[in-house]
């Protein structure tokens, strides 16, 4: 899916961030399961804990940094744009989680990008049934990449 456009924004200084090619691959894998989805452009911004905490507090009422925030784009009435939305990923939180969960940083990043992209497409995990459907999609997408079930205990 070469028509995917990812605006990769980096607001942290670390060489271990996913590459542009990785981001496009992971987003493409999600969108390949949604062939009728016309929106093919998104921003993925890598931030520090301060920026993550500020956004999480302002938009979700949770005053702490978090791994990934998803901001779906809503087209103004009468205007159709190919924008899916924005993902804001806190590098420090993702790095800490990967270490704590004994995962490679690359595998955890793949999960966070896939998880966030599914949110941009309208998936959620507030109710148990929704959570199971979303998590199964994540498991299937990650398995296709050779990545173990992130929810296995």
Protein backbone atom coordinates (compact mmCIF):
# COMPACT_ATOMS: atom_id res chain seq x y z
CA UNK A 1 0.00 0.00 0.00
CA UNK A 2 2.25 2.71 -1.23
CA UNK A 3 -0.52 5.28 -0.96
CA UNK A 4 -0.09 5.49 2.84
CA UNK A 5 1.26 8.84 4.03
CA UNK A 6 2.78 9.02 7.50
CA UNK A 7 4.00 12.37 8.80
CA UNK A 8 6.69 11.19 11.26
CA UNK A 9 7.33 13.87 13.87
CA UNK A 10 10.12 13.45 16.40
CA UNK A 11 10.18 15.58 19.56
CA UNK A 12 12.61 13.33 21.48
CA UNK A 13 16.28 12.58 20.96
CA UNK A 14 16.73 8.82 20.68
CA UNK A 15 18.04 6.68 17.86
CA UNK A 16 15.77 3.75 18.80
CA UNK A 17 12.58 5.22 17.35
CA UNK A 18 10.83 3.31 14.56
CA UNK A 19 11.82 4.25 11.03
CA UNK A 20 9.50 5.81 8.49
CA UNK A 21 9.43 2.47 6.63
CA UNK A 22 8.39 0.57 9.78
CA UNK A 23 5.61 3.04 10.52
CA UNK A 24 4.27 2.78 6.97
CA UNK A 25 4.43 -1.03 7.13
CA UNK A 26 2.50 -1.25 10.40
CA UNK A 27 -0.15 1.26 9.33
CA UNK A 28 -0.43 -0.46 5.94
CA UNK A 29 -1.00 -3.81 7.63
CA UNK A 30 -3.95 -2.35 9.56
CA UNK A 31 -5.43 -0.54 6.56
CA UNK A 32 -5.09 -3.66 4.39
CA UNK A 33 -7.83 -5.15 6.56
CA UNK A 34 -10.00 -2.11 5.85
CA UNK A 35 -9.96 -1.88 2.03
CA UNK A 36 -12.97 0.45 1.93
CA UNK A 37 -11.26 3.01 4.18
CA UNK A 38 -10.39 5.99 1.95
CA UNK A 39 -8.37 7.89 4.59
CA UNK A 40 -4.69 7.03 4.14
CA UNK A 41 -2.83 9.88 5.86
CA UNK A 42 -1.86 10.24 9.50
CA UNK A 43 0.68 11.86 11.77
CA UNK A 44 2.72 9.86 14.25
CA UNK A 45 4.49 12.08 16.77
CA UNK A 46 7.06 10.79 19.26
CA UNK A 47 7.06 12.88 22.43
CA UNK A 48 8.56 13.13 25.90
CA UNK A 49 6.59 12.41 29.11
CA UNK A 50 5.78 16.09 29.67
CA UNK A 51 4.01 16.50 26.32
CA UNK A 52 2.24 13.16 26.71
CA UNK A 53 1.06 14.05 30.21
CA UNK A 54 -0.20 17.44 29.10
CA UNK A 55 -2.22 15.96 26.23
CA UNK A 56 -3.50 13.05 28.32
CA UNK A 57 -4.62 15.49 31.03
CA UNK A 58 -6.23 17.96 28.63
CA UNK A 59 -8.02 15.43 26.41
CA UNK A 60 -8.63 12.41 28.65
CA UNK A 61 -8.62 13.89 32.16
CA UNK A 62 -5.71 11.64 33.22
CA UNK A 63 -2.79 13.60 34.64
CA UNK A 64 0.04 11.22 33.70
CA UNK A 65 1.98 10.30 30.59
CA UNK A 66 0.66 7.36 28.58
CA UNK A 67 1.99 5.11 25.84
CA UNK A 68 -0.17 6.19 22.90
CA UNK A 69 -2.90 8.76 22.36
CA UNK A 70 -5.16 8.65 19.31
CA UNK A 71 -6.84 11.70 17.85
CA UNK A 72 -9.18 10.77 14.97
CA UNK A 73 -9.61 13.50 12.37
CA UNK A 74 -13.17 14.68 11.80
CA UNK A 75 -13.82 16.14 8.37
CA UNK A 76 -15.61 19.49 8.44
CA UNK A 77 -19.12 19.30 6.95
CA UNK A 78 -18.97 19.19 3.17
CA UNK A 79 -15.21 18.69 3.03
CA UNK A 80 -13.62 15.29 2.51
CA UNK A 81 -9.94 14.94 3.30
CA UNK A 82 -7.83 11.75 3.38
CA UNK A 83 -6.71 12.39 6.98
CA UNK A 84 -7.16 9.50 9.42
CA UNK A 85 -5.83 11.38 12.43
CA UNK A 86 -2.87 11.69 14.77
CA UNK A 87 -1.05 9.28 17.06
CA UNK A 88 1.07 10.70 19.86
CA UNK A 89 3.47 8.14 21.31
CA UNK A 90 5.50 8.72 24.47
CA UNK A 91 8.89 7.16 23.83
CA UNK A 92 9.84 6.96 27.53
CA UNK A 93 6.63 5.14 28.46
CA UNK A 94 6.89 2.70 25.53
CA UNK A 95 10.55 2.01 26.37
CA UNK A 96 9.74 1.38 30.04
CA UNK A 97 6.80 -0.88 29.18
CA UNK A 98 8.90 -2.91 26.73
CA UNK A 99 11.53 -3.48 29.42
CA UNK A 100 8.96 -4.37 32.10
CA UNK A 101 7.10 -6.74 29.75
CA UNK A 102 10.32 -8.33 28.43
CA UNK A 103 9.55 -7.35 24.83
CA UNK A 104 11.79 -5.88 22.20
CA UNK A 105 11.28 -2.18 21.71
CA UNK A 106 10.49 -2.76 18.03
CA UNK A 107 7.76 -5.28 18.84
CA UNK A 108 6.19 -3.01 21.43
CA UNK A 109 6.28 -0.09 19.00
CA UNK A 110 4.57 -2.24 16.36
CA UNK A 111 1.85 -3.00 18.89
CA UNK A 112 1.42 0.66 19.87
CA UNK A 113 1.15 1.83 16.24
CA UNK A 114 -1.30 -0.94 15.35
CA UNK A 115 -3.33 -0.29 18.51
CA UNK A 116 -3.43 3.45 17.87
CA UNK A 117 -4.34 3.05 14.20
CA UNK A 118 -7.24 0.78 15.15
CA UNK A 119 -8.44 3.53 17.51
CA UNK A 120 -8.29 6.01 14.61
CA UNK A 121 -10.53 3.62 12.66
CA UNK A 122 -13.10 3.61 15.46
CA UNK A 123 -12.12 0.54 17.47
CA UNK A 124 -12.30 0.86 21.22
CA UNK A 125 -11.84 -1.20 24.35
CA UNK A 126 -14.20 0.35 26.87
CA UNK A 127 -16.65 -2.56 26.91
CA UNK A 128 -15.45 -6.16 27.29
CA UNK A 129 -16.88 -7.24 23.93
CA UNK A 130 -15.26 -4.31 22.11
CA UNK A 131 -11.97 -4.95 23.90
CA UNK A 132 -11.90 -8.60 22.85
CA UNK A 133 -12.61 -7.74 19.21
CA UNK A 134 -9.93 -5.04 19.14
CA UNK A 135 -7.37 -7.17 20.94
CA UNK A 136 -7.98 -10.08 18.56
CA UNK A 137 -7.33 -7.81 15.59
CA UNK A 138 -4.11 -6.72 17.25
CA UNK A 139 -3.07 -10.32 17.92
CA UNK A 140 -3.75 -11.30 14.30
CA UNK A 141 -1.85 -8.33 12.85
CA UNK A 142 1.10 -8.84 15.17
CA UNK A 143 1.19 -12.60 14.55
CA UNK A 144 1.49 -11.90 10.82
CA UNK A 145 4.63 -9.92 11.69
CA UNK A 146 5.99 -12.76 13.81
CA UNK A 147 5.26 -10.91 17.06
CA UNK A 148 3.91 -12.78 20.07
CA UNK A 149 0.50 -12.08 21.62
CA UNK A 150 0.98 -8.87 23.65
CA UNK A 151 -1.89 -9.84 25.96
CA UNK A 152 -0.57 -13.28 26.89
CA UNK A 153 0.25 -13.59 30.56
